[in-house]
Amino acid sequence: MNSNHGWIIYPRYVSHHDDNAFDWLTEEAAACGLSAEVVFAEDIAAGYFAGKNYLTIGGRIPDALPSFVVIRTYDTVLSRFFERLDIPVINSSYSMELSKNKMLTHEVLHSAGIPTPRTVYSCNGEYDYEELCDAFSDRRFIVKRIDGAKGEDVYLVNDAAEMRKAVDACSRRCICQQFIVSSSGRDVRVWVIGGKVAGAVLRYSETSFLSNFSQGGKVAAIHLEPDAASLAVASAGALGIEFAGIDLLFGENGFTVNEINGNAGFRTLSRIGENNIPATLFGYIRDKYSK
């Protein structure tokens, strides 16, 4: 095992994106005294048999195991494999499982006393519109896919017919959530690395209740208030996640946590010339895990 060499595991489809961060990540790792290479999840074969661990990359046994893994996909099977080899994985399989499932995220945050929108889950996607109106004290609310990302499969519904259509669009794998009117079209994305705030932006839209950059939203610099910073750090800590994007909504009585992204992108921060997330990430890995 090379004590300064790591793997950054991505799904292959990201390689077709013009704005993938492969070079940026490997260059920032080198600047921190580490070496890193991008490995595609689809090229990895892992298993356990004959009392041994089995691992190949592109059909070949690697010359050495990595000293750390940065996993940029929600594949908890691969994460657990490397964890069984005592290789640090950022983020852990447990924290990624929690962040991927929005209801599990809500349950953990609620148990930790962290404010979140009112949320209801039905395992078979059967929801009663009037019951939810009573639960949320509003006839408008959000339906979102339980494992969605990038603002996809998120719907603001106004009546029973819209609710049923949204639930079906989510393949009935969804949660229903209170609509925070005071935060419509805007939120704050906070990046947390190793229990510290690494950067933040205001995300906003002039045409939609969604503020995600991937959904056409815009970004602006923001001075992060101490209470917002503390809330983001506490949220990451509750899930045990080392590198996260925390989405905060503007509630009537302060910030509330909307979602936690364990596979958070970071280009939006660079668009306004703010903190370099890859540099902070690899500095953290060097200081905590490099031997």
C-alpha atoms as a PDB file:
ATOM      1  CA  MET A   1       0.000   0.000   0.000  1.00  0.00           C
ATOM      2  CA  ASN A   2       1.333   3.415  -1.011  1.00  0.00           C
ATOM      3  CA  SER A   3       0.804   5.707   1.984  1.00  0.00           C
ATOM      4  CA  ASN A   4       0.391   8.786  -0.215  1.00  0.00           C
ATOM      5  CA  HIS A   5      -1.577   7.397  -3.149  1.00  0.00           C
ATOM      6  CA  GLY A   6      -5.357   7.338  -3.398  1.00  0.00           C
ATOM      7  CA  TRP A   7      -8.161   6.496  -5.750  1.00  0.00           C
ATOM      8  CA  ILE A   8     -10.999   8.845  -6.698  1.00  0.00           C
ATOM      9  CA  ILE A   9     -13.849   6.581  -7.757  1.00  0.00           C
ATOM     10  CA  TYR A  10     -16.382   7.978 -10.219  1.00  0.00           C
ATOM     11  CA  PRO A  11     -19.124   6.397 -12.334  1.00  0.00           C
ATOM     12  CA  ARG A  12     -17.973   6.264 -15.945  1.00  0.00           C
ATOM     13  CA  TYR A  13     -20.685   8.565 -17.317  1.00  0.00           C
ATOM     14  CA  VAL A  14     -18.996  11.533 -15.609  1.00  0.00           C
ATOM     15  CA  SER A  15     -16.058  11.160 -18.010  1.00  0.00           C
ATOM     16  CA  HIS A  16     -18.321  12.393 -20.800  1.00  0.00           C
ATOM     17  CA  HIS A  17     -19.009  15.691 -19.030  1.00  0.00           C
ATOM     18  CA  ASP A  18     -16.952  18.600 -20.339  1.00  0.00           C
ATOM     19  CA  ASP A  19     -16.777  20.082 -16.842  1.00  0.00           C
ATOM     20  CA  ASN A  20     -15.645  16.975 -14.960  1.00  0.00           C
ATOM     21  CA  ALA A  21     -13.136  17.755 -12.222  1.00  0.00           C
ATOM     22  CA  PHE A  22     -10.672  14.910 -12.840  1.00  0.00           C
ATOM     23  CA  ASP A  23      -7.613  17.069 -13.587  1.00  0.00           C
ATOM     24  CA  TRP A  24      -8.511  19.595 -10.912  1.00  0.00           C
ATOM     25  CA  LEU A  25      -8.744  16.900  -8.235  1.00  0.00           C
ATOM     26  CA  THR A  26      -5.506  15.138  -9.148  1.00  0.00           C
ATOM     27  CA  GLU A  27      -3.620  18.454  -9.389  1.00  0.00           C
ATOM     28  CA  GLU A  28      -4.836  19.596  -5.971  1.00  0.00           C
ATOM     29  CA  ALA A  29      -3.915  16.222  -4.481  1.00  0.00           C
ATOM     30  CA  ALA A  30      -0.384  16.650  -5.860  1.00  0.00           C
ATOM     31  CA  ALA A  31      -0.191  20.162  -4.411  1.00  0.00           C
ATOM     32  CA  CYS A  32      -0.908  18.623  -1.012  1.00  0.00           C
ATOM     33  CA  GLY A  33       1.887  16.077  -1.385  1.00  0.00           C
ATOM     34  CA  LEU A  34      -0.445  13.239  -2.369  1.00  0.00           C
ATOM     35  CA  SER A  35      -0.932  11.373  -5.600  1.00  0.00           C
ATOM     36  CA  ALA A  36      -4.373  10.382  -6.788  1.00  0.00           C
ATOM     37  CA  GLU A  37      -5.884   8.743  -9.840  1.00  0.00           C
ATOM     38  CA  VAL A  38      -9.410   8.556 -11.133  1.00  0.00           C
ATOM     39  CA  VAL A  39     -10.803   5.017 -11.235  1.00  0.00           C
ATOM     40  CA  PHE A  40     -14.176   4.190 -12.746  1.00  0.00           C
ATOM     41  CA  ALA A  41     -16.509   2.143 -10.589  1.00  0.00           C
ATOM     42  CA  GLU A  42     -17.544   0.025 -13.565  1.00  0.00           C
ATOM     43  CA  ASP A  43     -13.926  -1.173 -13.973  1.00  0.00           C
ATOM     44  CA  ILE A  44     -13.734  -2.534 -10.427  1.00  0.00           C
ATOM     45  CA  ALA A  45     -14.454  -6.178  -9.636  1.00  0.00           C
ATOM     46  CA  ALA A  46     -14.435  -6.979  -5.932  1.00  0.00           C
ATOM     47  CA  GLY A  47     -15.250 -10.114  -3.993  1.00  0.00           C
ATOM     48  CA  TYR A  48     -14.482 -12.461  -1.132  1.00  0.00           C
ATOM     49  CA  PHE A  49     -13.677 -16.147  -1.523  1.00  0.00           C
ATOM     50  CA  ALA A  50     -11.166 -18.831  -0.537  1.00  0.00           C
ATOM     51  CA  GLY A  51     -10.480 -16.823   2.615  1.00  0.00           C
ATOM     52  CA  LYS A  52      -9.158 -13.895   0.603  1.00  0.00           C
ATOM     53  CA  ASN A  53     -10.275 -10.581  -0.837  1.00  0.00           C
ATOM     54  CA  TYR A  54     -10.496 -10.312  -4.607  1.00  0.00           C
ATOM     55  CA  LEU A  55      -9.919  -7.048  -6.440  1.00  0.00           C
ATOM     56  CA  THR A  56      -9.212  -6.198 -10.056  1.00  0.00           C
ATOM     57  CA  ILE A  57      -9.240  -2.945 -12.028  1.00  0.00           C
ATOM     58  CA  GLY A  58     -10.050  -3.415 -15.690  1.00  0.00           C
ATOM     59  CA  GLY A  59      -9.413  -7.145 -15.303  1.00  0.00           C
ATOM     60  CA  ARG A  60      -5.990  -6.716 -13.691  1.00  0.00           C
ATOM     61  CA  ILE A  61      -4.858  -7.024 -10.100  1.00  0.00           C
ATOM     62  CA  PRO A  62      -3.575  -3.580  -9.021  1.00  0.00           C
ATOM     63  CA  ASP A  63       0.121  -3.282  -8.186  1.00  0.00           C
ATOM     64  CA  ALA A  64      -0.748  -1.743  -4.807  1.00  0.00           C
ATOM     65  CA  LEU A  65      -3.812  -0.848  -2.813  1.00  0.00           C
ATOM     66  CA  PRO A  66      -4.645   2.819  -2.288  1.00  0.00           C
ATOM     67  CA  SER A  67      -4.032   4.449   1.080  1.00  0.00           C
ATOM     68  CA  PHE A  68      -7.338   6.308   0.797  1.00  0.00           C
ATOM     69  CA  VAL A  69     -10.427   6.326  -1.395  1.00  0.00           C
ATOM     70  CA  VAL A  70     -12.566   9.331  -2.295  1.00  0.00           C
ATOM     71  CA  ILE A  71     -15.820   7.847  -3.538  1.00  0.00           C
ATOM     72  CA  ARG A  72     -17.838  10.035  -5.894  1.00  0.00           C
ATOM     73  CA  THR A  73     -20.758   7.657  -6.344  1.00  0.00           C
ATOM     74  CA  TYR A  74     -23.353   6.162  -4.036  1.00  0.00           C
ATOM     75  CA  ASP A  75     -22.043   2.604  -4.309  1.00  0.00           C
ATOM     76  CA  THR A  76     -21.977   1.409  -0.708  1.00  0.00           C
ATOM     77  CA  VAL A  77     -20.903  -2.100  -1.743  1.00  0.00           C
ATOM     78  CA  LEU A  78     -17.593  -0.745  -3.042  1.00  0.00           C
ATOM     79  CA  SER A  79     -17.253   1.535  -0.022  1.00  0.00           C
ATOM     80  CA  ARG A  80     -17.701  -1.385   2.365  1.00  0.00           C
ATOM     81  CA  PHE A  81     -15.181  -3.465   0.442  1.00  0.00           C
ATOM     82  CA  PHE A  82     -12.425  -0.897   0.961  1.00  0.00           C
ATOM     83  CA  GLU A  83     -13.475  -0.332   4.558  1.00  0.00           C
ATOM     84  CA  ARG A  84     -13.032  -4.072   5.216  1.00  0.00           C
ATOM     85  CA  LEU A  85      -9.442  -3.621   4.027  1.00  0.00           C
ATOM     86  CA  ASP A  86      -9.007  -0.826   6.627  1.00  0.00           C
ATOM     87  CA  ILE A  87      -8.628   1.757   3.871  1.00  0.00           C
ATOM     88  CA  PRO A  88     -10.104   5.166   4.766  1.00  0.00           C
ATOM     89  CA  VAL A  89     -13.110   5.912   2.556  1.00  0.00           C
ATOM     90  CA  ILE A  90     -14.432   9.440   2.170  1.00  0.00           C
ATOM     91  CA  ASN A  91     -17.339   9.214   2.688  1.00  0.00           C
ATOM     92  CA  SER A  92     -18.025   6.081   4.698  1.00  0.00           C
ATOM     93  CA  SER A  93     -20.604   3.601   3.451  1.00  0.00           C
ATOM     94  CA  TYR A  94     -22.800   4.286   6.484  1.00  0.00           C
ATOM     95  CA  SER A  95     -22.860   8.057   6.028  1.00  0.00           C
ATOM     96  CA  MET A  96     -23.457   7.722   2.287  1.00  0.00           C
ATOM     97  CA  GLU A  97     -26.395   5.404   2.893  1.00  0.00           C
ATOM     98  CA  LEU A  98     -27.920   7.938   5.272  1.00  0.00           C
ATOM     99  CA  SER A  99     -27.389  10.911   2.958  1.00  0.00           C
ATOM    100  CA  LYS A 100     -28.672   9.104  -0.142  1.00  0.00           C
ATOM    101  CA  ASN A 101     -32.020   8.303   1.496  1.00  0.00           C
ATOM    102  CA  LYS A 102     -33.799  11.570   2.299  1.00  0.00           C
ATOM    103  CA  MET A 103     -36.050   9.987   4.904  1.00  0.00           C
ATOM    104  CA  LEU A 104     -33.102   8.446   6.745  1.00  0.00           C
ATOM    105  CA  THR A 105     -31.411  11.862   6.643  1.00  0.00           C
ATOM    106  CA  HIS A 106     -34.537  13.462   8.112  1.00  0.00           C
ATOM    107  CA  GLU A 107     -34.804  10.814  10.839  1.00  0.00           C
ATOM    108  CA  VAL A 108     -31.168  11.233  11.931  1.00  0.00           C
ATOM    109  CA  LEU A 109     -31.360  15.029  11.947  1.00  0.00           C
ATOM    110  CA  HIS A 110     -34.648  15.002  13.839  1.00  0.00           C
ATOM    111  CA  SER A 111     -33.188  12.625  16.437  1.00  0.00           C
ATOM    112  CA  ALA A 112     -30.235  14.993  16.850  1.00  0.00           C
ATOM    113  CA  GLY A 113     -32.559  17.946  17.470  1.00  0.00           C
ATOM    114  CA  ILE A 114     -31.618  19.639  14.198  1.00  0.00           C
ATOM    115  CA  PRO A 115     -34.451  21.596  12.519  1.00  0.00           C
ATOM    116  CA  THR A 116     -35.782  20.151   9.264  1.00  0.00           C
ATOM    117  CA  PRO A 117     -39.031  20.600   7.318  1.00  0.00           C
ATOM    118  CA  ARG A 118     -41.926  18.391   8.400  1.00  0.00           C
ATOM    119  CA  THR A 119     -41.599  15.161   6.434  1.00  0.00           C
ATOM    120  CA  VAL A 120     -43.861  12.170   5.822  1.00  0.00           C
ATOM    121  CA  TYR A 121     -42.947   8.815   4.250  1.00  0.00           C
ATOM    122  CA  SER A 122     -45.160   5.988   3.026  1.00  0.00           C
ATOM    123  CA  CYS A 123     -43.439   2.780   1.938  1.00  0.00           C
ATOM    124  CA  ASN A 124     -45.933   2.096  -0.860  1.00  0.00           C
ATOM    125  CA  GLY A 125     -46.369   5.665  -2.038  1.00  0.00           C
ATOM    126  CA  GLU A 126     -49.961   5.834  -0.867  1.00  0.00           C
ATOM    127  CA  TYR A 127     -50.632   9.335   0.444  1.00  0.00           C
ATOM    128  CA  ASP A 128     -53.845  11.044   1.486  1.00  0.00           C
ATOM    129  CA  TYR A 129     -53.811  14.637   0.263  1.00  0.00           C
ATOM    130  CA  GLU A 130     -56.102  16.029   2.962  1.00  0.00           C
ATOM    131  CA  GLU A 131     -54.160  14.265   5.715  1.00  0.00           C
ATOM    132  CA  LEU A 132     -50.919  15.816   4.455  1.00  0.00           C
ATOM    133  CA  CYS A 133     -52.524  19.261   4.240  1.00  0.00           C
ATOM    134  CA  ASP A 134     -53.358  18.931   7.936  1.00  0.00           C
ATOM    135  CA  ALA A 135     -49.857  17.661   8.774  1.00  0.00           C
ATOM    136  CA  PHE A 136     -48.164  20.543   6.974  1.00  0.00           C
ATOM    137  CA  SER A 137     -50.808  23.203   7.782  1.00  0.00           C
ATOM    138  CA  ASP A 138     -50.758  24.118   4.104  1.00  0.00           C
ATOM    139  CA  ARG A 139     -52.446  22.915   0.944  1.00  0.00           C
ATOM    140  CA  ARG A 140     -49.163  23.224  -0.936  1.00  0.00           C
ATOM    141  CA  PHE A 141     -46.256  20.937  -0.189  1.00  0.00           C
ATOM    142  CA  ILE A 142     -43.261  19.221  -1.775  1.00  0.00           C
ATOM    143  CA  VAL A 143     -43.095  15.720  -3.243  1.00  0.00           C
ATOM    144  CA  LYS A 144     -39.565  14.498  -3.926  1.00  0.00           C
ATOM    145  CA  ARG A 145     -37.937  11.242  -4.925  1.00  0.00           C
ATOM    146  CA  ILE A 146     -36.453   9.625  -1.826  1.00  0.00           C
ATOM    147  CA  ASP A 147     -33.044   9.129  -3.470  1.00  0.00           C
ATOM    148  CA  GLY A 148     -33.077  11.978  -5.988  1.00  0.00           C
ATOM    149  CA  ALA A 149     -30.280  14.472  -6.623  1.00  0.00           C
ATOM    150  CA  LYS A 150     -29.578  17.769  -8.422  1.00  0.00           C
ATOM    151  CA  GLY A 151     -33.129  18.996  -7.862  1.00  0.00           C
ATOM    152  CA  GLU A 152     -34.501  16.281 -10.140  1.00  0.00           C
ATOM    153  CA  ASP A 153     -37.895  14.713  -9.340  1.00  0.00           C
ATOM    154  CA  VAL A 154     -38.869  17.487  -6.929  1.00  0.00           C
ATOM    155  CA  TYR A 155     -42.404  18.832  -7.290  1.00  0.00           C
ATOM    156  CA  LEU A 156     -44.443  21.575  -5.647  1.00  0.00           C
ATOM    157  CA  VAL A 157     -48.034  20.314  -5.576  1.00  0.00           C
ATOM    158  CA  ASN A 158     -51.200  22.346  -5.080  1.00  0.00           C
ATOM    159  CA  ASP A 159     -53.948  19.717  -5.071  1.00  0.00           C
ATOM    160  CA  ALA A 160     -54.625  15.985  -4.897  1.00  0.00           C
ATOM    161  CA  ALA A 161     -54.334  15.440  -8.642  1.00  0.00           C
ATOM    162  CA  GLU A 162     -50.903  17.127  -8.767  1.00  0.00           C
ATOM    163  CA  MET A 163     -49.801  15.078  -5.766  1.00  0.00           C
ATOM    164  CA  ARG A 164     -50.743  11.779  -7.410  1.00  0.00           C
ATOM    165  CA  LYS A 165     -49.004  12.789 -10.639  1.00  0.00           C
ATOM    166  CA  ALA A 166     -45.824  13.744  -8.736  1.00  0.00           C
ATOM    167  CA  VAL A 167     -45.847  10.509  -6.708  1.00  0.00           C
ATOM    168  CA  ASP A 168     -46.139   8.474  -9.913  1.00  0.00           C
ATOM    169  CA  ALA A 169     -43.343  10.512 -11.537  1.00  0.00           C
ATOM    170  CA  CYS A 170     -41.142   9.452  -8.595  1.00  0.00           C
ATOM    171  CA  SER A 171     -42.079   5.816  -9.206  1.00  0.00           C
ATOM    172  CA  ARG A 172     -43.872   5.986  -5.826  1.00  0.00           C
ATOM    173  CA  ARG A 173     -40.464   6.075  -4.088  1.00  0.00           C
ATOM    174  CA  CYS A 174     -40.866   9.469  -2.502  1.00  0.00           C
ATOM    175  CA  ILE A 175     -41.376  11.587   0.570  1.00  0.00           C
ATOM    176  CA  CYS A 176     -43.769  14.481   1.093  1.00  0.00           C
ATOM    177  CA  GLN A 177     -42.383  17.551   2.789  1.00  0.00           C
ATOM    178  CA  GLN A 178     -43.485  20.886   4.133  1.00  0.00           C
ATOM    179  CA  PHE A 179     -43.004  23.747   1.657  1.00  0.00           C
ATOM    180  CA  ILE A 180     -40.890  26.442   3.300  1.00  0.00           C
ATOM    181  CA  VAL A 181     -42.483  29.450   1.601  1.00  0.00           C
ATOM    182  CA  SER A 182     -39.970  31.916   3.019  1.00  0.00           C
ATOM    183  CA  SER A 183     -37.199  30.057   1.171  1.00  0.00           C
ATOM    184  CA  SER A 184     -38.936  29.588  -2.173  1.00  0.00           C
ATOM    185  CA  GLY A 185     -36.381  29.898  -4.953  1.00  0.00           C
ATOM    186  CA  ARG A 186     -33.382  30.315  -2.660  1.00  0.00           C
ATOM    187  CA  ASP A 187     -31.220  28.352  -0.268  1.00  0.00           C
ATOM    188  CA  VAL A 188     -27.659  28.245   1.046  1.00  0.00           C
ATOM    189  CA  ARG A 189     -25.253  25.476   0.069  1.00  0.00           C
ATOM    190  CA  VAL A 190     -22.568  24.943   2.711  1.00  0.00           C
ATOM    191  CA  TRP A 191     -19.613  22.627   2.146  1.00  0.00           C
ATOM    192  CA  VAL A 192     -18.321  20.930   5.288  1.00  0.00           C
ATOM    193  CA  ILE A 193     -15.024  19.034   5.315  1.00  0.00           C
ATOM    194  CA  GLY A 194     -13.733  17.321   8.440  1.00  0.00           C
ATOM    195  CA  GLY A 195     -16.137  19.119  10.741  1.00  0.00           C
ATOM    196  CA  LYS A 196     -15.315  22.599   9.421  1.00  0.00           C
ATOM    197  CA  VAL A 197     -17.024  24.904   6.940  1.00  0.00           C
ATOM    198  CA  ALA A 198     -15.055  24.920   3.692  1.00  0.00           C
ATOM    199  CA  GLY A 199     -17.238  27.351   1.756  1.00  0.00           C
ATOM    200  CA  ALA A 200     -20.774  28.536   1.101  1.00  0.00           C
ATOM    201  CA  VAL A 201     -22.874  30.136  -1.628  1.00  0.00           C
ATOM    202  CA  LEU A 202     -26.339  31.564  -1.950  1.00  0.00           C
ATOM    203  CA  ARG A 203     -28.299  29.705  -4.627  1.00  0.00           C
ATOM    204  CA  TYR A 204     -31.339  31.374  -6.101  1.00  0.00           C
ATOM    205  CA  SER A 205     -33.781  31.306  -8.981  1.00  0.00           C
ATOM    206  CA  GLU A 206     -35.942  34.071 -10.359  1.00  0.00           C
ATOM    207  CA  THR A 207     -38.303  31.653 -12.128  1.00  0.00           C
ATOM    208  CA  SER A 208     -38.633  28.517  -9.978  1.00  0.00           C
ATOM    209  CA  PHE A 209     -39.115  27.382  -6.384  1.00  0.00           C
ATOM    210  CA  LEU A 210     -35.978  25.278  -6.968  1.00  0.00           C
ATOM    211  CA  SER A 211     -32.623  26.980  -6.560  1.00  0.00           C
ATOM    212  CA  ASN A 212     -30.310  24.161  -7.706  1.00  0.00           C
ATOM    213  CA  PHE A 213     -27.637  25.304 -10.153  1.00  0.00           C
ATOM    214  CA  SER A 214     -28.292  22.160 -12.201  1.00  0.00           C
ATOM    215  CA  GLN A 215     -31.922  23.304 -12.565  1.00  0.00           C
ATOM    216  CA  GLY A 216     -31.012  26.723 -13.928  1.00  0.00           C
ATOM    217  CA  GLY A 217     -30.435  28.496 -10.634  1.00  0.00           C
ATOM    218  CA  LYS A 218     -27.789  31.150 -10.052  1.00  0.00           C
ATOM    219  CA  VAL A 219     -25.158  31.568  -7.349  1.00  0.00           C
ATOM    220  CA  ALA A 220     -23.848  34.503  -5.381  1.00  0.00           C
ATOM    221  CA  ALA A 221     -21.337  35.058  -2.617  1.00  0.00           C
ATOM    222  CA  ILE A 222     -22.741  35.048   0.901  1.00  0.00           C
ATOM    223  CA  HIS A 223     -21.460  35.880   4.342  1.00  0.00           C
ATOM    224  CA  LEU A 224     -22.310  32.791   6.344  1.00  0.00           C
ATOM    225  CA  GLU A 225     -23.808  33.662   9.702  1.00  0.00           C
ATOM    226  CA  PRO A 226     -22.394  31.762  12.726  1.00  0.00           C
ATOM    227  CA  ASP A 227     -25.717  30.022  13.398  1.00  0.00           C
ATOM    228  CA  ALA A 228     -25.861  28.753   9.814  1.00  0.00           C
ATOM    229  CA  ALA A 229     -22.262  27.528   9.997  1.00  0.00           C
ATOM    230  CA  SER A 230     -22.895  25.751  13.298  1.00  0.00           C
ATOM    231  CA  LEU A 231     -26.047  24.133  11.922  1.00  0.00           C
ATOM    232  CA  ALA A 232     -24.223  22.827   8.839  1.00  0.00           C
ATOM    233  CA  VAL A 233     -21.358  21.394  10.902  1.00  0.00           C
ATOM    234  CA  ALA A 234     -23.766  19.766  13.363  1.00  0.00           C
ATOM    235  CA  SER A 235     -25.733  18.232  10.485  1.00  0.00           C
ATOM    236  CA  ALA A 236     -22.636  16.663   8.939  1.00  0.00           C
ATOM    237  CA  GLY A 237     -21.607  15.420  12.372  1.00  0.00           C
ATOM    238  CA  ALA A 238     -24.997  13.797  12.968  1.00  0.00           C
ATOM    239  CA  LEU A 239     -24.558  11.699   9.823  1.00  0.00           C
ATOM    240  CA  GLY A 240     -20.857  11.065  10.468  1.00  0.00           C
ATOM    241  CA  ILE A 241     -20.034  12.447   7.039  1.00  0.00           C
ATOM    242  CA  GLU A 242     -16.593  13.929   6.323  1.00  0.00           C
ATOM    243  CA  PHE A 243     -17.203  15.730   3.018  1.00  0.00           C
ATOM    244  CA  ALA A 244     -20.711  17.053   2.489  1.00  0.00           C
ATOM    245  CA  GLY A 245     -22.851  19.682   0.849  1.00  0.00           C
ATOM    246  CA  ILE A 246     -25.469  20.904   3.318  1.00  0.00           C
ATOM    247  CA  ASP A 247     -28.517  22.700   1.926  1.00  0.00           C
ATOM    248  CA  LEU A 248     -30.066  25.216   4.310  1.00  0.00           C
ATOM    249  CA  LEU A 249     -33.469  26.818   3.860  1.00  0.00           C
ATOM    250  CA  PHE A 250     -34.510  30.238   5.138  1.00  0.00           C
ATOM    251  CA  GLY A 251     -37.166  29.394   7.710  1.00  0.00           C
ATOM    252  CA  GLU A 252     -39.377  31.984   9.395  1.00  0.00           C
ATOM    253  CA  ASN A 253     -37.508  31.446  12.677  1.00  0.00           C
ATOM    254  CA  GLY A 254     -34.025  30.722  11.382  1.00  0.00           C
ATOM    255  CA  PHE A 255     -32.354  28.227   9.114  1.00  0.00           C
ATOM    256  CA  THR A 256     -33.607  24.682   8.634  1.00  0.00           C
ATOM    257  CA  VAL A 257     -31.766  21.790   6.964  1.00  0.00           C
ATOM    258  CA  ASN A 258     -33.264  20.636   3.697  1.00  0.00           C
ATOM    259  CA  GLU A 259     -30.829  17.970   2.505  1.00  0.00           C
ATOM    260  CA  ILE A 260     -27.325  16.605   2.964  1.00  0.00           C
ATOM    261  CA  ASN A 261     -25.409  15.622  -0.156  1.00  0.00           C
ATOM    262  CA  GLY A 262     -22.680  13.053   0.386  1.00  0.00           C
ATOM    263  CA  ASN A 263     -21.565  13.336  -3.225  1.00  0.00           C
ATOM    264  CA  ALA A 264     -21.611  17.103  -3.437  1.00  0.00           C
ATOM    265  CA  GLY A 265     -20.360  18.950  -6.484  1.00  0.00           C
ATOM    266  CA  PHE A 266     -18.205  22.018  -5.909  1.00  0.00           C
ATOM    267  CA  ARG A 267     -17.911  23.978  -9.146  1.00  0.00           C
ATOM    268  CA  THR A 268     -20.570  26.487  -8.123  1.00  0.00           C
ATOM    269  CA  LEU A 269     -18.234  27.843  -5.448  1.00  0.00           C
ATOM    270  CA  SER A 270     -15.398  28.294  -7.941  1.00  0.00           C
ATOM    271  CA  ARG A 271     -17.692  30.319 -10.212  1.00  0.00           C
ATOM    272  CA  ILE A 272     -17.644  33.185  -7.733  1.00  0.00           C
ATOM    273  CA  GLY A 273     -13.914  32.900  -7.041  1.00  0.00           C
ATOM    274  CA  GLU A 274     -14.318  31.521  -3.547  1.00  0.00           C
ATOM    275  CA  ASN A 275     -12.725  28.647  -1.625  1.00  0.00           C
ATOM    276  CA  ASN A 276     -10.997  25.806  -3.456  1.00  0.00           C
ATOM    277  CA  ILE A 277     -12.881  22.723  -2.224  1.00  0.00           C
ATOM    278  CA  PRO A 278     -10.504  20.082  -3.704  1.00  0.00           C
ATOM    279  CA  ALA A 279      -7.522  21.793  -2.059  1.00  0.00           C
ATOM    280  CA  THR A 280      -9.291  21.782   1.302  1.00  0.00           C
ATOM    281  CA  LEU A 281     -10.374  18.162   0.869  1.00  0.00           C
ATOM    282  CA  PHE A 282      -6.910  16.830   0.084  1.00  0.00           C
ATOM    283  CA  GLY A 283      -5.335  18.962   2.790  1.00  0.00           C
ATOM    284  CA  TYR A 284      -7.726  17.310   5.223  1.00  0.00           C
ATOM    285  CA  ILE A 285      -6.921  13.822   3.879  1.00  0.00           C
ATOM    286  CA  ARG A 286      -3.182  14.507   4.115  1.00  0.00           C
ATOM    287  CA  ASP A 287      -3.393  15.731   7.687  1.00  0.00           C
ATOM    288  CA  LYS A 288      -5.682  12.964   8.925  1.00  0.00           C
ATOM    289  CA  TYR A 289      -4.782   9.885   6.890  1.00  0.00           C
ATOM    290  CA  SER A 290      -1.368  10.288   5.275  1.00  0.00           C
ATOM    291  CA  LYS A 291       1.404   8.325   7.003  1.00  0.00           C
END
